[in-house]
Structures are given as C-alpha cells and as structure tokens.
N, C-alpha and C. Protein backbone atom coordinates (compact mmCIF):
# COMPACT_ATOMS: atom_id res chain seq x y z
N UNK A 1 -10.79 13.30 -22.05
CA UNK A 1 -10.20 12.87 -20.80
C UNK A 1 -9.64 11.45 -20.90
N UNK A 2 -9.46 10.95 -22.13
CA UNK A 2 -8.87 9.62 -22.30
C UNK A 2 -7.47 9.55 -21.71
N UNK A 3 -6.75 10.65 -21.80
CA UNK A 3 -5.38 10.67 -21.29
C UNK A 3 -5.36 10.46 -19.78
N UNK A 4 -6.23 11.15 -19.07
CA UNK A 4 -6.26 10.98 -17.62
C UNK A 4 -6.77 9.60 -17.23
N UNK A 5 -7.69 9.05 -18.02
CA UNK A 5 -8.19 7.70 -17.74
C UNK A 5 -7.06 6.68 -17.90
N UNK A 6 -6.29 6.82 -18.95
CA UNK A 6 -5.14 5.94 -19.17
C UNK A 6 -4.11 6.13 -18.06
N UNK A 7 -3.90 7.38 -17.68
CA UNK A 7 -2.96 7.68 -16.60
C UNK A 7 -3.41 7.01 -15.30
N UNK A 8 -4.69 7.09 -14.99
CA UNK A 8 -5.22 6.44 -13.78
C UNK A 8 -5.07 4.92 -13.87
N UNK A 9 -5.34 4.36 -15.04
CA UNK A 9 -5.18 2.90 -15.20
C UNK A 9 -3.75 2.49 -14.89
N UNK A 10 -2.79 3.24 -15.41
CA UNK A 10 -1.38 2.93 -15.17
C UNK A 10 -0.98 3.18 -13.72
N UNK A 11 -1.57 4.18 -13.09
CA UNK A 11 -1.23 4.51 -11.72
C UNK A 11 -1.68 3.42 -10.75
N UNK A 12 -2.84 2.83 -11.02
CA UNK A 12 -3.38 1.81 -10.12
C UNK A 12 -3.05 0.39 -10.57
N UNK A 13 -2.40 0.23 -11.71
CA UNK A 13 -2.11 -1.10 -12.26
C UNK A 13 -1.27 -1.98 -11.33
N UNK A 14 -0.26 -1.45 -10.61
CA UNK A 14 0.56 -2.33 -9.79
C UNK A 14 -0.15 -2.90 -8.55
N UNK A 15 -1.33 -2.41 -8.23
CA UNK A 15 -1.99 -2.79 -7.00
C UNK A 15 -3.17 -3.71 -7.28
N UNK A 16 -3.43 -4.65 -6.38
CA UNK A 16 -4.57 -5.56 -6.60
C UNK A 16 -5.88 -4.80 -6.49
N UNK A 17 -6.84 -5.24 -7.27
CA UNK A 17 -8.15 -4.59 -7.23
C UNK A 17 -8.83 -4.90 -5.90
N UNK A 18 -9.33 -3.85 -5.29
CA UNK A 18 -10.09 -4.00 -4.05
C UNK A 18 -11.17 -2.93 -4.05
N UNK A 19 -12.22 -3.13 -3.28
CA UNK A 19 -13.29 -2.12 -3.25
C UNK A 19 -12.76 -0.73 -2.85
N UNK A 20 -11.85 -0.69 -1.89
CA UNK A 20 -11.34 0.61 -1.43
C UNK A 20 -10.51 1.29 -2.52
N UNK A 21 -9.67 0.54 -3.21
CA UNK A 21 -8.87 1.13 -4.28
C UNK A 21 -9.75 1.57 -5.45
N UNK A 22 -10.79 0.82 -5.74
CA UNK A 22 -11.72 1.20 -6.80
C UNK A 22 -12.43 2.50 -6.43
N UNK A 23 -12.84 2.61 -5.18
CA UNK A 23 -13.49 3.83 -4.71
C UNK A 23 -12.51 5.01 -4.75
N UNK A 24 -11.28 4.78 -4.32
CA UNK A 24 -10.27 5.84 -4.33
C UNK A 24 -9.96 6.28 -5.75
N UNK A 25 -9.93 5.33 -6.69
CA UNK A 25 -9.68 5.67 -8.09
C UNK A 25 -10.80 6.57 -8.61
N UNK A 26 -12.05 6.26 -8.24
CA UNK A 26 -13.18 7.09 -8.64
C UNK A 26 -13.09 8.50 -8.05
N UNK A 27 -12.69 8.58 -6.78
CA UNK A 27 -12.53 9.89 -6.13
C UNK A 27 -11.43 10.69 -6.81
N UNK A 28 -10.32 10.02 -7.10
CA UNK A 28 -9.20 10.70 -7.76
C UNK A 28 -9.59 11.15 -9.16
N UNK A 29 -10.36 10.34 -9.86
CA UNK A 29 -10.81 10.72 -11.20
C UNK A 29 -11.69 11.97 -11.12
N UNK A 30 -12.57 12.03 -10.13
CA UNK A 30 -13.43 13.21 -9.97
C UNK A 30 -12.60 14.45 -9.65
N UNK A 31 -11.60 14.29 -8.77
CA UNK A 31 -10.74 15.44 -8.44
C UNK A 31 -9.96 15.90 -9.69
N UNK A 32 -9.51 14.94 -10.49
CA UNK A 32 -8.76 15.29 -11.70
C UNK A 32 -9.66 15.99 -12.71
N UNK A 33 -10.90 15.53 -12.84
CA UNK A 33 -11.83 16.18 -13.75
C UNK A 33 -12.13 17.61 -13.31
N UNK A 34 -12.30 17.80 -12.00
CA UNK A 34 -12.54 19.16 -11.48
C UNK A 34 -11.35 20.06 -11.77
N UNK A 35 -10.14 19.56 -11.53
CA UNK A 35 -8.94 20.36 -11.79
C UNK A 35 -8.80 20.66 -13.28
N UNK A 36 -9.14 19.69 -14.12
CA UNK A 36 -9.08 19.89 -15.57
C UNK A 36 -10.08 20.98 -15.99
N UNK A 37 -11.31 20.89 -15.50
CA UNK A 37 -12.33 21.88 -15.85
C UNK A 37 -11.94 23.27 -15.35
N UNK A 38 -11.33 23.35 -14.16
CA UNK A 38 -10.86 24.64 -13.65
C UNK A 38 -9.77 25.22 -14.55
N UNK A 39 -8.85 24.36 -14.99
CA UNK A 39 -7.76 24.83 -15.86
C UNK A 39 -8.32 25.32 -17.20
N UNK A 40 -9.29 24.61 -17.75
CA UNK A 40 -9.91 25.03 -19.01
C UNK A 40 -10.64 26.36 -18.82
N UNK A 41 -11.31 26.51 -17.67
CA UNK A 41 -12.02 27.76 -17.37
C UNK A 41 -11.05 28.93 -17.24
N UNK A 42 -9.81 28.65 -16.85
CA UNK A 42 -8.80 29.69 -16.73
C UNK A 42 -8.17 30.03 -18.07
N UNK A 43 -8.61 29.37 -19.14
CA UNK A 43 -8.11 29.69 -20.47
C UNK A 43 -6.97 28.82 -20.96
N UNK A 44 -6.67 27.75 -20.27
CA UNK A 44 -5.59 26.86 -20.71
C UNK A 44 -6.08 25.95 -21.82
N UNK A 45 -5.14 25.53 -22.67
CA UNK A 45 -5.49 24.59 -23.73
C UNK A 45 -5.71 23.21 -23.12
N UNK A 46 -6.25 22.31 -23.94
CA UNK A 46 -6.48 20.94 -23.47
C UNK A 46 -5.18 20.31 -22.99
N UNK A 47 -4.12 20.42 -23.79
CA UNK A 47 -2.84 19.80 -23.43
C UNK A 47 -2.25 20.42 -22.16
N UNK A 48 -2.35 21.73 -22.02
CA UNK A 48 -1.85 22.38 -20.80
C UNK A 48 -2.64 21.92 -19.58
N UNK A 49 -3.95 21.82 -19.73
CA UNK A 49 -4.80 21.41 -18.61
C UNK A 49 -4.50 19.97 -18.21
N UNK A 50 -4.35 19.08 -19.18
CA UNK A 50 -4.04 17.68 -18.87
C UNK A 50 -2.67 17.59 -18.21
N UNK A 51 -1.70 18.34 -18.74
CA UNK A 51 -0.37 18.35 -18.14
C UNK A 51 -0.38 18.82 -16.70
N UNK A 52 -1.15 19.87 -16.44
CA UNK A 52 -1.24 20.38 -15.07
C UNK A 52 -1.90 19.36 -14.15
N UNK A 53 -2.95 18.71 -14.62
CA UNK A 53 -3.65 17.70 -13.82
C UNK A 53 -2.71 16.55 -13.48
N UNK A 54 -1.97 16.07 -14.47
CA UNK A 54 -1.06 14.95 -14.24
C UNK A 54 0.07 15.37 -13.30
N UNK A 55 0.53 16.59 -13.43
CA UNK A 55 1.57 17.09 -12.52
C UNK A 55 1.04 17.20 -11.09
N UNK A 56 -0.17 17.72 -10.95
CA UNK A 56 -0.74 17.91 -9.62
C UNK A 56 -1.14 16.61 -8.93
N UNK A 57 -1.60 15.63 -9.72
CA UNK A 57 -2.12 14.40 -9.14
C UNK A 57 -1.30 13.17 -9.52
N UNK A 58 -0.06 13.37 -9.94
CA UNK A 58 0.72 12.27 -10.48
C UNK A 58 1.40 11.35 -9.50
N UNK A 59 1.43 11.69 -8.22
CA UNK A 59 2.15 10.86 -7.25
C UNK A 59 1.16 10.21 -6.29
N UNK A 60 0.90 8.93 -6.52
CA UNK A 60 -0.07 8.21 -5.69
C UNK A 60 0.41 8.08 -4.25
N UNK A 61 1.72 8.01 -4.04
CA UNK A 61 2.25 7.90 -2.67
C UNK A 61 1.88 9.14 -1.85
N UNK A 62 1.90 10.32 -2.48
CA UNK A 62 1.55 11.55 -1.77
C UNK A 62 0.03 11.67 -1.58
N UNK A 63 -0.73 11.15 -2.53
CA UNK A 63 -2.19 11.27 -2.46
C UNK A 63 -2.83 10.20 -1.59
N UNK A 64 -2.11 9.13 -1.30
CA UNK A 64 -2.67 7.99 -0.57
C UNK A 64 -3.28 8.39 0.78
N UNK A 65 -2.61 9.21 1.61
CA UNK A 65 -3.25 9.58 2.88
C UNK A 65 -4.54 10.37 2.69
N UNK A 66 -4.59 11.22 1.68
CA UNK A 66 -5.80 12.00 1.41
C UNK A 66 -6.94 11.09 0.98
N UNK A 67 -6.60 10.07 0.18
CA UNK A 67 -7.61 9.15 -0.32
C UNK A 67 -7.92 8.02 0.66
N UNK A 68 -7.13 7.91 1.71
CA UNK A 68 -7.33 6.86 2.70
C UNK A 68 -6.88 5.49 2.24
N UNK A 69 -5.88 5.45 1.37
CA UNK A 69 -5.42 4.15 0.85
C UNK A 69 -3.94 3.93 1.12
N UNK A 70 -3.38 4.66 2.08
CA UNK A 70 -1.94 4.54 2.35
C UNK A 70 -1.57 3.11 2.69
N UNK A 71 -2.37 2.43 3.49
CA UNK A 71 -2.08 1.04 3.87
C UNK A 71 -2.24 0.10 2.68
N UNK A 72 -3.17 0.41 1.79
CA UNK A 72 -3.46 -0.47 0.66
C UNK A 72 -2.34 -0.51 -0.37
N UNK A 73 -1.59 0.57 -0.48
CA UNK A 73 -0.56 0.61 -1.53
C UNK A 73 0.84 0.37 -0.99
N UNK A 74 0.95 0.08 0.30
CA UNK A 74 2.26 -0.22 0.87
C UNK A 74 2.64 -1.65 0.50
N UNK A 75 3.93 -1.90 0.26
CA UNK A 75 4.33 -3.28 -0.03
C UNK A 75 4.01 -4.17 1.16
N UNK A 76 3.31 -5.27 0.90
CA UNK A 76 2.97 -6.20 1.96
C UNK A 76 1.74 -5.80 2.76
N UNK A 77 1.15 -4.64 2.49
CA UNK A 77 -0.03 -4.21 3.23
C UNK A 77 -1.27 -4.91 2.71
N UNK A 78 -2.15 -5.27 3.61
CA UNK A 78 -3.39 -5.93 3.21
C UNK A 78 -4.41 -4.88 2.84
N UNK A 79 -5.19 -5.11 1.78
CA UNK A 79 -6.21 -4.13 1.41
C UNK A 79 -7.24 -3.98 2.52
N UNK A 80 -7.75 -2.77 2.66
CA UNK A 80 -8.76 -2.49 3.67
C UNK A 80 -10.11 -2.35 2.99
N UNK A 81 -11.15 -2.64 3.72
CA UNK A 81 -12.49 -2.41 3.20
C UNK A 81 -12.78 -0.92 3.22
N UNK A 82 -13.61 -0.47 2.31
CA UNK A 82 -13.96 0.94 2.25
C UNK A 82 -14.81 1.29 3.46
N UNK A 83 -14.51 2.42 4.15
CA UNK A 83 -15.32 2.82 5.29
C UNK A 83 -16.70 3.28 4.83
N UNK A 84 -17.66 3.13 5.71
CA UNK A 84 -19.04 3.46 5.36
C UNK A 84 -19.23 4.94 5.09
N UNK A 85 -18.63 5.80 5.89
CA UNK A 85 -18.82 7.23 5.73
C UNK A 85 -17.90 7.86 4.71
N UNK A 86 -17.02 7.11 4.11
CA UNK A 86 -16.09 7.66 3.14
C UNK A 86 -14.83 8.20 3.77
N UNK A 87 -14.78 8.31 5.10
CA UNK A 87 -13.59 8.83 5.76
C UNK A 87 -12.66 7.67 6.09
N UNK A 88 -11.38 7.87 5.96
CA UNK A 88 -10.46 6.78 6.26
C UNK A 88 -10.45 6.47 7.75
N UNK A 89 -10.30 5.18 8.04
CA UNK A 89 -10.21 4.76 9.43
C UNK A 89 -8.93 3.96 9.60
N UNK A 90 -8.39 3.99 10.79
CA UNK A 90 -7.17 3.22 11.06
C UNK A 90 -7.57 1.80 11.42
N UNK A 91 -6.79 0.81 10.98
CA UNK A 91 -7.12 -0.56 11.35
C UNK A 91 -6.93 -0.77 12.85
N UNK A 92 -7.74 -1.64 13.42
CA UNK A 92 -7.67 -1.87 14.85
C UNK A 92 -6.51 -2.77 15.21
N UNK A 93 -6.06 -3.60 14.31
CA UNK A 93 -4.90 -4.45 14.56
C UNK A 93 -4.01 -4.41 13.33
N UNK A 94 -2.76 -4.70 13.48
CA UNK A 94 -1.87 -4.63 12.33
C UNK A 94 -2.34 -5.57 11.23
N UNK A 95 -2.26 -5.08 10.00
CA UNK A 95 -2.68 -5.92 8.88
C UNK A 95 -1.60 -6.95 8.58
N UNK A 96 -2.04 -8.12 8.22
CA UNK A 96 -1.12 -9.19 7.88
C UNK A 96 -1.42 -9.63 6.45
N UNK A 97 -0.39 -9.69 5.63
CA UNK A 97 -0.64 -10.10 4.25
C UNK A 97 -1.09 -11.56 4.22
N UNK A 98 -2.04 -11.84 3.33
CA UNK A 98 -2.53 -13.20 3.19
C UNK A 98 -1.69 -13.98 2.19
N UNK A 99 -0.98 -13.29 1.33
CA UNK A 99 -0.12 -13.93 0.34
C UNK A 99 1.27 -13.30 0.47
N UNK A 100 2.27 -13.95 -0.09
CA UNK A 100 3.60 -13.34 -0.03
C UNK A 100 3.59 -11.97 -0.71
N UNK A 101 4.38 -11.08 -0.19
CA UNK A 101 4.46 -9.74 -0.76
C UNK A 101 5.08 -9.83 -2.15
N UNK A 102 4.60 -9.02 -3.10
CA UNK A 102 5.17 -9.05 -4.43
C UNK A 102 6.60 -8.51 -4.41
N UNK A 103 7.33 -8.85 -5.44
CA UNK A 103 8.71 -8.36 -5.55
C UNK A 103 8.70 -6.84 -5.62
N UNK A 104 9.68 -6.19 -5.02
CA UNK A 104 9.70 -4.72 -5.06
C UNK A 104 9.77 -4.22 -6.49
N UNK A 105 9.03 -3.17 -6.74
CA UNK A 105 9.04 -2.51 -8.04
C UNK A 105 9.34 -1.05 -7.81
N UNK A 106 9.68 -0.32 -8.88
CA UNK A 106 9.92 1.10 -8.69
C UNK A 106 8.72 1.81 -8.07
N UNK A 107 7.50 1.39 -8.41
CA UNK A 107 6.33 2.05 -7.84
C UNK A 107 6.08 1.60 -6.40
N UNK A 108 6.42 0.33 -6.07
CA UNK A 108 6.09 -0.20 -4.77
C UNK A 108 7.15 0.05 -3.72
N UNK A 109 8.41 0.05 -4.10
CA UNK A 109 9.50 0.23 -3.14
C UNK A 109 10.52 1.20 -3.73
N UNK A 110 10.17 2.45 -3.69
CA UNK A 110 10.98 3.48 -4.33
C UNK A 110 12.36 3.58 -3.71
N UNK A 111 12.46 3.44 -2.40
CA UNK A 111 13.77 3.59 -1.73
C UNK A 111 14.74 2.51 -2.21
N UNK A 112 14.29 1.27 -2.31
CA UNK A 112 15.17 0.19 -2.77
C UNK A 112 15.56 0.40 -4.22
N UNK A 113 14.62 0.82 -5.03
CA UNK A 113 14.89 1.08 -6.43
C UNK A 113 15.91 2.22 -6.58
N UNK A 114 15.74 3.29 -5.78
CA UNK A 114 16.64 4.42 -5.85
C UNK A 114 18.05 4.02 -5.41
N UNK A 115 18.16 3.18 -4.36
CA UNK A 115 19.49 2.71 -3.94
C UNK A 115 20.15 1.92 -5.06
N UNK A 116 19.38 1.10 -5.76
CA UNK A 116 19.91 0.32 -6.87
C UNK A 116 20.39 1.25 -7.98
N UNK A 117 19.61 2.26 -8.29
CA UNK A 117 20.01 3.22 -9.32
C UNK A 117 21.29 3.96 -8.91
N UNK A 118 21.39 4.34 -7.64
CA UNK A 118 22.58 5.04 -7.18
C UNK A 118 23.80 4.13 -7.23
N UNK A 119 23.63 2.85 -6.93
CA UNK A 119 24.74 1.92 -7.00
C UNK A 119 25.27 1.83 -8.43
N UNK A 120 24.37 1.82 -9.40
CA UNK A 120 24.81 1.76 -10.79
C UNK A 120 25.55 3.03 -11.18
N UNK A 121 25.08 4.18 -10.71
CA UNK A 121 25.73 5.44 -11.05
C UNK A 121 27.10 5.58 -10.40
N UNK A 122 27.31 4.96 -9.25
CA UNK A 122 28.58 5.11 -8.55
C UNK A 122 29.70 4.31 -9.21
N UNK A 123 29.38 3.43 -10.14
CA UNK A 123 30.40 2.62 -10.78
C UNK A 123 31.41 3.46 -11.54
N UNK A 124 30.98 4.52 -12.18
CA UNK A 124 31.89 5.31 -13.00
C UNK A 124 31.67 6.80 -12.75
N UNK A 125 32.53 7.42 -11.96
CA UNK A 125 32.36 8.84 -11.68
C UNK A 125 32.55 9.71 -12.92
N UNK A 126 33.27 9.21 -13.92
CA UNK A 126 33.46 9.99 -15.14
C UNK A 126 32.14 10.18 -15.88
N UNK A 127 31.30 9.15 -15.89
CA UNK A 127 29.99 9.28 -16.54
C UNK A 127 29.15 10.32 -15.81
N UNK A 128 29.21 10.32 -14.49
CA UNK A 128 28.48 11.32 -13.71
C UNK A 128 29.00 12.72 -14.01
N UNK A 129 30.30 12.86 -14.14
CA UNK A 129 30.90 14.14 -14.46
C UNK A 129 30.44 14.63 -15.84
N UNK A 130 30.49 13.74 -16.82
CA UNK A 130 30.07 14.11 -18.18
C UNK A 130 28.59 14.48 -18.18
N UNK A 131 27.78 13.72 -17.47
CA UNK A 131 26.35 14.01 -17.42
C UNK A 131 26.07 15.37 -16.79
N UNK A 132 26.87 15.75 -15.81
CA UNK A 132 26.65 17.04 -15.15
C UNK A 132 26.95 18.22 -16.08
N UNK A 133 27.69 17.97 -17.14
CA UNK A 133 27.96 19.01 -18.14
C UNK A 133 27.03 18.84 -19.34
N UNK A 134 26.85 17.61 -19.76
CA UNK A 134 26.10 17.29 -20.98
C UNK A 134 24.65 17.73 -20.91
N UNK A 135 23.94 17.34 -19.86
CA UNK A 135 22.50 17.64 -19.81
C UNK A 135 22.21 19.13 -19.64
N UNK A 136 22.93 19.88 -18.80
CA UNK A 136 22.69 21.33 -18.79
C UNK A 136 23.00 21.98 -20.14
N UNK A 137 24.01 21.45 -20.84
CA UNK A 137 24.31 21.97 -22.18
C UNK A 137 23.15 21.70 -23.13
N UNK A 138 22.54 20.53 -23.01
CA UNK A 138 21.40 20.20 -23.87
C UNK A 138 20.22 21.14 -23.58
N UNK A 139 20.02 21.46 -22.31
CA UNK A 139 18.95 22.40 -21.96
C UNK A 139 19.23 23.76 -22.57
N UNK A 140 20.47 24.22 -22.47
CA UNK A 140 20.84 25.52 -23.04
C UNK A 140 20.64 25.53 -24.55
N UNK A 141 21.10 24.48 -25.22
CA UNK A 141 20.94 24.39 -26.67
C UNK A 141 19.46 24.38 -27.04
N UNK A 142 18.68 23.59 -26.33
CA UNK A 142 17.24 23.52 -26.60
C UNK A 142 16.59 24.90 -26.46
N UNK A 143 16.87 25.58 -25.35
CA UNK A 143 16.24 26.89 -25.13
C UNK A 143 16.70 27.93 -26.14
N UNK A 144 18.00 27.95 -26.43
CA UNK A 144 18.50 28.89 -27.44
C UNK A 144 17.86 28.63 -28.80
N UNK A 145 17.86 27.39 -29.22
CA UNK A 145 17.27 27.02 -30.50
C UNK A 145 15.79 27.40 -30.54
N UNK A 146 15.07 27.10 -29.48
CA UNK A 146 13.64 27.36 -29.46
C UNK A 146 13.31 28.84 -29.43
N UNK A 147 14.02 29.60 -28.61
CA UNK A 147 13.72 31.03 -28.49
C UNK A 147 14.23 31.82 -29.70
N UNK A 148 15.45 31.59 -30.10
CA UNK A 148 16.04 32.40 -31.18
C UNK A 148 15.34 32.13 -32.51
N UNK A 149 15.11 30.87 -32.83
CA UNK A 149 14.52 30.53 -34.12
C UNK A 149 13.02 30.27 -34.03
N UNK A 150 12.44 30.44 -32.84
CA UNK A 150 11.00 30.19 -32.63
C UNK A 150 10.62 28.83 -33.24
N UNK A 151 11.40 27.84 -32.87
CA UNK A 151 11.24 26.50 -33.44
C UNK A 151 10.71 25.51 -32.41
N UNK A 152 9.73 25.94 -31.65
CA UNK A 152 9.19 25.08 -30.59
C UNK A 152 8.59 23.80 -31.16
N UNK A 153 8.10 23.88 -32.40
CA UNK A 153 7.45 22.71 -32.98
C UNK A 153 8.43 21.60 -33.36
N UNK A 154 9.71 21.91 -33.54
CA UNK A 154 10.68 20.90 -33.94
C UNK A 154 11.83 20.74 -32.95
N UNK A 155 12.06 21.73 -32.11
CA UNK A 155 13.24 21.68 -31.24
C UNK A 155 13.17 20.57 -30.20
N UNK A 156 12.00 20.02 -29.96
CA UNK A 156 11.87 18.91 -29.01
C UNK A 156 12.70 17.71 -29.43
N UNK A 157 13.03 17.63 -30.71
CA UNK A 157 13.77 16.47 -31.22
C UNK A 157 15.14 16.33 -30.56
N UNK A 158 15.61 17.43 -29.97
CA UNK A 158 16.91 17.37 -29.31
C UNK A 158 16.92 16.35 -28.17
N UNK A 159 15.78 16.14 -27.50
CA UNK A 159 15.76 15.25 -26.34
C UNK A 159 15.96 13.79 -26.70
N UNK A 160 15.23 13.23 -27.66
CA UNK A 160 15.52 11.83 -28.00
C UNK A 160 16.91 11.65 -28.61
N UNK A 161 17.34 12.62 -29.41
CA UNK A 161 18.68 12.53 -30.01
C UNK A 161 19.74 12.59 -28.91
N UNK A 162 19.59 13.52 -27.97
CA UNK A 162 20.56 13.65 -26.87
C UNK A 162 20.56 12.40 -26.00
N UNK A 163 19.39 11.84 -25.74
CA UNK A 163 19.31 10.64 -24.92
C UNK A 163 19.99 9.45 -25.60
N UNK A 164 19.77 9.30 -26.89
CA UNK A 164 20.41 8.20 -27.63
C UNK A 164 21.92 8.40 -27.66
N UNK A 165 22.35 9.63 -27.90
CA UNK A 165 23.79 9.91 -27.94
C UNK A 165 24.43 9.63 -26.57
N UNK A 166 23.76 10.03 -25.51
CA UNK A 166 24.31 9.78 -24.17
C UNK A 166 24.32 8.29 -23.86
N UNK A 167 23.28 7.57 -24.27
CA UNK A 167 23.23 6.13 -24.06
C UNK A 167 24.39 5.45 -24.80
N UNK A 168 24.68 5.90 -26.02
CA UNK A 168 25.81 5.33 -26.77
C UNK A 168 27.11 5.60 -26.02
N UNK A 169 27.28 6.82 -25.52
CA UNK A 169 28.49 7.15 -24.76
C UNK A 169 28.63 6.27 -23.52
N UNK A 170 27.55 6.16 -22.75
CA UNK A 170 27.59 5.36 -21.53
C UNK A 170 27.86 3.89 -21.85
N UNK A 171 27.21 3.38 -22.87
CA UNK A 171 27.42 1.98 -23.26
C UNK A 171 28.86 1.75 -23.69
N UNK A 172 29.39 2.65 -24.50
CA UNK A 172 30.78 2.50 -24.96
C UNK A 172 31.74 2.59 -23.77
N UNK A 173 31.52 3.52 -22.89
CA UNK A 173 32.38 3.68 -21.73
C UNK A 173 32.31 2.44 -20.83
N UNK A 174 31.10 1.94 -20.61
CA UNK A 174 30.93 0.75 -19.77
C UNK A 174 31.58 -0.47 -20.41
N UNK A 175 31.44 -0.62 -21.72
CA UNK A 175 32.05 -1.76 -22.41
C UNK A 175 33.57 -1.66 -22.34
N UNK A 176 34.07 -0.47 -22.52
CA UNK A 176 35.53 -0.27 -22.45
C UNK A 176 36.05 -0.58 -21.04
N UNK A 177 35.33 -0.12 -20.03
CA UNK A 177 35.73 -0.37 -18.65
C UNK A 177 35.68 -1.88 -18.34
N UNK A 178 34.62 -2.55 -18.81
CA UNK A 178 34.51 -3.99 -18.59
C UNK A 178 35.63 -4.74 -19.31
N UNK A 179 35.95 -4.31 -20.51
CA UNK A 179 37.01 -4.94 -21.28
C UNK A 179 38.35 -4.79 -20.57
N UNK A 180 38.60 -3.60 -20.03
CA UNK A 180 39.86 -3.37 -19.30
C UNK A 180 39.94 -4.23 -18.04
N UNK A 181 38.83 -4.44 -17.36
CA UNK A 181 38.82 -5.28 -16.16
C UNK A 181 39.13 -6.74 -16.49
N UNK A 182 38.70 -7.17 -17.67
CA UNK A 182 38.91 -8.56 -18.06
C UNK A 182 40.36 -8.81 -18.45
N UNK A 183 41.08 -7.81 -18.84
CA UNK A 183 42.49 -7.99 -19.27
C UNK A 183 43.41 -8.21 -18.15
C-alpha cells in the first residue's frame, strides 16, 4: 500500500497540517484500504486494485464534504477543529483567514487554472484542430497495435513518443507564429 500512502501524501501536500485534515487523511486511508481489500477479494491484481482505488478516491474536492473538510481545503478558508463526534459541523460564524491566502494553484483554484489553460489554447486554433485529429489517431494506433500484435507490454511506448512529437509540433508552430509577429 506504499502507492496509496504516497498518493495520500501528494493529495494533502498543498494544505496546511491541521488536526482535522490529519483525521480526514486517516479516514480516507482506511476507506482506501477497505476498497483495495474488496478489489483484491474480487480477484483483481494488485495494480488493478490500486488503480481502482486511486480512480475512486482521487478527487479531494469531491470527497471533502464526505470527510467534513470542505472549508479546510478552500482557498483562504481557515482550518476547523475536528468535531468531537466525528461528524462535520458548520461553523457558527464565517471563517476568516489568519494569514494571506496562498497563491492559486491547480489544486487550490481549479477554475482559475482552467481559464488560464483555455486562454493558452485559444491562441492558435490550428493547434487545436491538429490535436483533435492527432490524439484520436494515437488512440486508434495504440489499440490496433496492442490488439492485433498482442503487444500490451510494449505498446504503451506510443504515449511518451506521441506526447514528445506533439510538443515539438506545438513548440515549432508557436515559435513560427511568434517569429511572424515580430516581423
């Protein structure tokens, strides 16, 4: 279960340590262990079970209300003390941050991060057009190669190669566009 422990460490890393977050991390770890053991009992391999657990429990924003830490992981939200009975309670007055809110991060302010990503993509519609053809083609090639030649052990290599090739294309296109603007 080292993989899930590392995953939990990374999931809670952006947030300050507090008793409530520590308790929620323990609860989430127990839920993940139960899900892992259930998957193993159903005959799944270790890797399949870990993958399923990470897929099921991978979004802390969705799990926060269940764990009672929604306020604790919001940008600018003040950490709450853990309730005595383990059930989440609503604060009686609005929480006020004691320190300045940290800079938005992809984990902390997804909407702002997504807007930034969309702004970058809108710069060149040709790249978006090529991507809409390129990536489905890569999926088709991967599946054909894997199924026809039963090469599941090596066909994964298509993804890093395709990503590097696409990055080279995007970089070249962006450099060319920037060069044309400067002229």
